[in-house]
PDB file of N, CA and C in Angstrom:
ATOM      1  N   MET A   1      -7.698  -7.608  -1.527  1.00  0.00           N
ATOM      2  CA  MET A   1      -7.822  -6.525  -2.421  1.00  0.00           C
ATOM      3  C   MET A   1      -6.905  -6.703  -3.527  1.00  0.00           C
ATOM      4  N   ASP A   2      -7.384  -6.706  -4.809  1.00  0.00           N
ATOM      5  CA  ASP A   2      -6.554  -6.856  -5.958  1.00  0.00           C
ATOM      6  C   ASP A   2      -6.198  -5.469  -6.547  1.00  0.00           C
ATOM      7  N   HIS A   3      -4.980  -5.418  -7.015  1.00  0.00           N
ATOM      8  CA  HIS A   3      -4.475  -4.180  -7.693  1.00  0.00           C
ATOM      9  C   HIS A   3      -4.202  -4.267  -9.127  1.00  0.00           C
ATOM     10  N   TYR A   4      -5.151  -3.866  -9.976  1.00  0.00           N
ATOM     11  CA  TYR A   4      -4.898  -4.054 -11.398  1.00  0.00           C
ATOM     12  C   TYR A   4      -4.932  -2.778 -12.191  1.00  0.00           C
ATOM     13  N   GLU A   5      -5.196  -1.543 -11.531  1.00  0.00           N
ATOM     14  CA  GLU A   5      -5.359  -0.362 -12.264  1.00  0.00           C
ATOM     15  C   GLU A   5      -4.005   0.367 -12.332  1.00  0.00           C
ATOM     16  N   VAL A   6      -3.840   1.194 -13.312  1.00  0.00           N
ATOM     17  CA  VAL A   6      -2.624   1.998 -13.469  1.00  0.00           C
ATOM     18  C   VAL A   6      -2.477   2.848 -12.332  1.00  0.00           C
ATOM     19  N   GLY A   7      -1.369   2.885 -11.662  1.00  0.00           N
ATOM     20  CA  GLY A   7      -1.050   3.731 -10.500  1.00  0.00           C
ATOM     21  C   GLY A   7      -1.138   2.937  -9.234  1.00  0.00           C
ATOM     22  N   ASP A   8      -1.731   1.787  -9.129  1.00  0.00           N
ATOM     23  CA  ASP A   8      -1.918   1.035  -7.974  1.00  0.00           C
ATOM     24  C   ASP A   8      -0.376   0.590  -7.472  1.00  0.00           C
ATOM     25  N   THR A   9      -0.210   0.596  -6.271  1.00  0.00           N
ATOM     26  CA  THR A   9       1.161   0.198  -5.674  1.00  0.00           C
ATOM     27  C   THR A   9       0.964  -1.013  -4.694  1.00  0.00           C
ATOM     28  N   VAL A  10       2.092  -1.657  -4.524  1.00  0.00           N
ATOM     29  CA  VAL A  10       2.219  -2.788  -3.481  1.00  0.00           C
ATOM     30  C   VAL A  10       3.327  -2.559  -2.703  1.00  0.00           C
ATOM     31  N   ARG A  11       3.102  -2.434  -1.326  1.00  0.00           N
ATOM     32  CA  ARG A  11       4.245  -2.031  -0.433  1.00  0.00           C
ATOM     33  C   ARG A  11       4.399  -3.202   0.669  1.00  0.00           C
ATOM     34  N   GLY A  12       5.578  -3.523   0.906  1.00  0.00           N
ATOM     35  CA  GLY A  12       5.910  -4.602   1.767  1.00  0.00           C
ATOM     36  C   GLY A  12       7.313  -4.544   2.202  1.00  0.00           C
ATOM     37  N   SER A  13       7.751  -5.332   3.239  1.00  0.00           N
ATOM     38  CA  SER A  13       9.147  -5.471   3.494  1.00  0.00           C
ATOM     39  C   SER A  13       9.889  -6.426   2.549  1.00  0.00           C
ATOM     40  N   ARG A  14       9.128  -7.394   2.112  1.00  0.00           N
ATOM     41  CA  ARG A  14       9.754  -8.333   1.005  1.00  0.00           C
ATOM     42  C   ARG A  14       8.657  -8.644  -0.003  1.00  0.00           C
ATOM     43  N   ILE A  15       9.031  -8.382  -1.260  1.00  0.00           N
ATOM     44  CA  ILE A  15       8.026  -8.553  -2.428  1.00  0.00           C
ATOM     45  C   ILE A  15       8.687  -9.550  -3.374  1.00  0.00           C
ATOM     46  N   TYR A  16       7.906 -10.602  -3.714  1.00  0.00           N
ATOM     47  CA  TYR A  16       8.303 -11.543  -4.675  1.00  0.00           C
ATOM     48  C   TYR A  16       7.753 -11.050  -6.180  1.00  0.00           C
ATOM     49  N   ALA A  17       8.498 -11.008  -7.121  1.00  0.00           N
ATOM     50  CA  ALA A  17       7.970 -10.497  -8.418  1.00  0.00           C
ATOM     51  C   ALA A  17       8.743 -11.441  -9.501  1.00  0.00           C
ATOM     52  N   GLU A  18       7.920 -11.621 -10.639  1.00  0.00           N
ATOM     53  CA  GLU A  18       8.443 -12.327 -11.720  1.00  0.00           C
ATOM     54  C   GLU A  18       7.843 -11.676 -13.002  1.00  0.00           C
ATOM     55  N   ALA A  19       8.554 -11.867 -14.129  1.00  0.00           N
ATOM     56  CA  ALA A  19       8.163 -11.314 -15.319  1.00  0.00           C
ATOM     57  C   ALA A  19       8.928 -11.908 -16.439  1.00  0.00           C
ATOM     58  N   ARG A  20       8.425 -11.775 -17.709  1.00  0.00           N
ATOM     59  CA  ARG A  20       9.224 -12.267 -18.868  1.00  0.00           C
ATOM     60  C   ARG A  20      10.387 -11.461 -19.234  1.00  0.00           C
ATOM     61  N   ARG A  21      10.190 -10.149 -18.982  1.00  0.00           N
ATOM     62  CA  ARG A  21      11.301  -9.219 -19.280  1.00  0.00           C
ATOM     63  C   ARG A  21      11.488  -8.262 -18.014  1.00  0.00           C
ATOM     64  N   ILE A  22      12.746  -8.060 -17.821  1.00  0.00           N
ATOM     65  CA  ILE A  22      13.118  -7.163 -16.614  1.00  0.00           C
ATOM     66  C   ILE A  22      14.285  -6.140 -17.002  1.00  0.00           C
ATOM     67  N   THR A  23      14.067  -4.869 -16.820  1.00  0.00           N
ATOM     68  CA  THR A  23      15.085  -3.974 -17.187  1.00  0.00           C
ATOM     69  C   THR A  23      16.371  -4.055 -16.277  1.00  0.00           C
ATOM     70  N   ASP A  24      17.471  -3.573 -16.691  1.00  0.00           N
ATOM     71  CA  ASP A  24      18.609  -3.499 -15.821  1.00  0.00           C
ATOM     72  C   ASP A  24      18.409  -2.628 -14.608  1.00  0.00           C
ATOM     73  N   PRO A  25      18.884  -2.912 -13.505  1.00  0.00           N
ATOM     74  CA  PRO A  25      18.703  -2.258 -12.304  1.00  0.00           C
ATOM     75  C   PRO A  25      19.296  -0.780 -12.509  1.00  0.00           C
ATOM     76  N   VAL A  26      18.512   0.257 -11.995  1.00  0.00           N
ATOM     77  CA  VAL A  26      18.984   1.594 -12.039  1.00  0.00           C
ATOM     78  C   VAL A  26      19.102   2.107 -10.595  1.00  0.00           C
ATOM     79  N   VAL A  27      20.202   2.707 -10.194  1.00  0.00           N
ATOM     80  CA  VAL A  27      20.354   3.255  -8.867  1.00  0.00           C
ATOM     81  C   VAL A  27      19.622   4.552  -8.737  1.00  0.00           C
ATOM     82  N   ILE A  28      18.757   4.721  -7.698  1.00  0.00           N
ATOM     83  CA  ILE A  28      18.029   5.841  -7.499  1.00  0.00           C
ATOM     84  C   ILE A  28      18.300   6.456  -6.092  1.00  0.00           C
ATOM     85  N   VAL A  29      18.178   7.700  -5.854  1.00  0.00           N
ATOM     86  CA  VAL A  29      18.362   8.344  -4.613  1.00  0.00           C
ATOM     87  C   VAL A  29      17.026   8.264  -3.732  1.00  0.00           C
ATOM     88  N   LYS A  30      17.065   7.771  -2.503  1.00  0.00           N
ATOM     89  CA  LYS A  30      15.956   7.681  -1.711  1.00  0.00           C
ATOM     90  C   LYS A  30      15.908   8.976  -0.717  1.00  0.00           C
ATOM     91  N   THR A  31      16.650   8.765   0.377  1.00  0.00           N
ATOM     92  CA  THR A  31      16.768  10.060   1.379  1.00  0.00           C
ATOM     93  C   THR A  31      18.294  10.138   1.708  1.00  0.00           C
ATOM     94  N   GLY A  32      18.719  11.334   1.507  1.00  0.00           N
ATOM     95  CA  GLY A  32      20.108  11.719   1.907  1.00  0.00           C
ATOM     96  C   GLY A  32      21.065  10.860   1.149  1.00  0.00           C
ATOM     97  N   ARG A  33      21.952  10.091   1.927  1.00  0.00           N
ATOM     98  CA  ARG A  33      22.923   9.297   1.255  1.00  0.00           C
ATOM     99  C   ARG A  33      22.413   7.858   0.978  1.00  0.00           C
ATOM    100  N   HIS A  34      21.182   7.560   1.317  1.00  0.00           N
ATOM    101  CA  HIS A  34      20.685   6.246   1.023  1.00  0.00           C
ATOM    102  C   HIS A  34      20.245   6.060  -0.426  1.00  0.00           C
ATOM    103  N   LYS A  35      20.635   4.922  -0.874  1.00  0.00           N
ATOM    104  CA  LYS A  35      20.294   4.560  -2.337  1.00  0.00           C
ATOM    105  C   LYS A  35      19.368   3.429  -2.409  1.00  0.00           C
ATOM    106  N   ALA A  36      18.786   3.232  -3.555  1.00  0.00           N
ATOM    107  CA  ALA A  36      17.905   2.038  -3.821  1.00  0.00           C
ATOM    108  C   ALA A  36      18.099   1.687  -5.275  1.00  0.00           C
ATOM    109  N   GLN A  37      17.440   0.540  -5.638  1.00  0.00           N
ATOM    110  CA  GLN A  37      17.490   0.140  -7.067  1.00  0.00           C
ATOM    111  C   GLN A  37      16.054   0.143  -7.606  1.00  0.00           C
ATOM    112  N   ARG A  38      15.873   0.343  -8.824  1.00  0.00           N
ATOM    113  CA  ARG A  38      14.671   0.293  -9.461  1.00  0.00           C
ATOM    114  C   ARG A  38      14.694  -0.588 -10.694  1.00  0.00           C
ATOM    115  N   VAL A  39      13.736  -1.511 -10.964  1.00  0.00           N
ATOM    116  CA  VAL A  39      13.735  -2.335 -12.163  1.00  0.00           C
ATOM    117  C   VAL A  39      12.270  -2.255 -12.608  1.00  0.00           C
ATOM    118  N   ILE A  40      12.057  -2.399 -13.943  1.00  0.00           N
ATOM    119  CA  ILE A  40      10.753  -2.378 -14.434  1.00  0.00           C
ATOM    120  C   ILE A  40      10.399  -3.745 -14.983  1.00  0.00           C
ATOM    121  N   LEU A  41       9.384  -4.395 -14.548  1.00  0.00           N
ATOM    122  CA  LEU A  41       8.886  -5.831 -15.005  1.00  0.00           C
ATOM    123  C   LEU A  41       7.915  -5.540 -16.099  1.00  0.00           C
ATOM    124  N   SER A  42       7.978  -6.258 -17.174  1.00  0.00           N
ATOM    125  CA  SER A  42       6.991  -6.138 -18.260  1.00  0.00           C
ATOM    126  C   SER A  42       6.683  -7.586 -18.794  1.00  0.00           C
ATOM    127  N   ASP A  43       5.656  -7.600 -19.607  1.00  0.00           N
ATOM    128  CA  ASP A  43       5.203  -8.878 -20.253  1.00  0.00           C
ATOM    129  C   ASP A  43       4.823  -9.982 -19.232  1.00  0.00           C
ATOM    130  N   ASN A  44       3.593  -9.887 -18.774  1.00  0.00           N
ATOM    131  CA  ASN A  44       2.984 -10.917 -17.908  1.00  0.00           C
ATOM    132  C   ASN A  44       3.636 -10.724 -16.515  1.00  0.00           C
ATOM    133  N   ALA A  45       3.684  -9.552 -15.912  1.00  0.00           N
ATOM    134  CA  ALA A  45       4.391  -9.338 -14.706  1.00  0.00           C
ATOM    135  C   ALA A  45       3.381  -9.638 -13.550  1.00  0.00           C
ATOM    136  N   LEU A  46       4.079 -10.228 -12.432  1.00  0.00           N
ATOM    137  CA  LEU A  46       3.346 -10.542 -11.208  1.00  0.00           C
ATOM    138  C   LEU A  46       4.105 -10.109  -9.981  1.00  0.00           C
ATOM    139  N   ALA A  47       3.417  -9.681  -8.936  1.00  0.00           N
ATOM    140  CA  ALA A  47       4.164  -9.302  -7.647  1.00  0.00           C
ATOM    141  C   ALA A  47       3.346  -9.740  -6.538  1.00  0.00           C
ATOM    142  N   ARG A  48       3.932 -10.247  -5.456  1.00  0.00           N
ATOM    143  CA  ARG A  48       3.164 -10.765  -4.348  1.00  0.00           C
ATOM    144  C   ARG A  48       3.957 -10.334  -3.009  1.00  0.00           C
ATOM    145  N   ILE A  49       3.306 -10.006  -2.025  1.00  0.00           N
ATOM    146  CA  ILE A  49       3.937  -9.572  -0.796  1.00  0.00           C
ATOM    147  C   ILE A  49       4.230 -10.879   0.004  1.00  0.00           C
ATOM    148  N   GLU A  50       5.637 -11.007   0.409  1.00  0.00           N
ATOM    149  CA  GLU A  50       5.966 -12.224   1.098  1.00  0.00           C
ATOM    150  C   GLU A  50       6.081 -11.938   2.670  1.00  0.00           C
ATOM    151  N   ARG A  51       6.378 -10.627   2.927  1.00  0.00           N
ATOM    152  CA  ARG A  51       6.351 -10.173   4.343  1.00  0.00           C
ATOM    153  C   ARG A  51       5.787  -8.798   4.395  1.00  0.00           C
ATOM    154  N   LYS A  52       4.966  -8.588   5.420  1.00  0.00           N
ATOM    155  CA  LYS A  52       4.322  -7.242   5.583  1.00  0.00           C
ATOM    156  C   LYS A  52       5.330  -6.241   6.060  1.00  0.00           C
ATOM    157  N   LEU A  53       5.098  -5.018   5.707  1.00  0.00           N
ATOM    158  CA  LEU A  53       5.875  -3.877   6.134  1.00  0.00           C
ATOM    159  C   LEU A  53       5.680  -3.730   7.601  1.00  0.00           C
ATOM    160  N   ARG A  54       6.818  -3.521   8.454  1.00  0.00           N
ATOM    161  CA  ARG A  54       6.653  -3.372   9.812  1.00  0.00           C
ATOM    162  C   ARG A  54       7.281  -2.025  10.195  1.00  0.00           C
ATOM    163  N   TRP A  55       6.424  -1.190  10.877  1.00  0.00           N
ATOM    164  CA  TRP A  55       6.855   0.145  11.261  1.00  0.00           C
ATOM    165  C   TRP A  55       7.498   0.099  12.646  1.00  0.00           C
ATOM    166  N   VAL A  56       8.568   0.799  12.829  1.00  0.00           N
ATOM    167  CA  VAL A  56       9.278   1.002  14.052  1.00  0.00           C
ATOM    168  C   VAL A  56       8.962   2.271  14.531  1.00  0.00           C
ATOM    169  N   LYS A  57       8.527   2.410  15.814  1.00  0.00           N
ATOM    170  CA  LYS A  57       8.109   3.642  16.424  1.00  0.00           C
ATOM    171  C   LYS A  57       9.291   4.223  17.196  1.00  0.00           C
TER     172      LYS A  57
END
């Protein structure tokens, strides 16, 4: 399944991405005290899932 439309998302445990331009990382709040980083890829951006997301029950 290809994701090319605005709003499509890619979710995985490990995602490989490349682009001509990347913004500086911005720290964002996820849950409680846990933090994450967000970057924006632009100009010919590409992302590929390298490892599937694994759920722990």
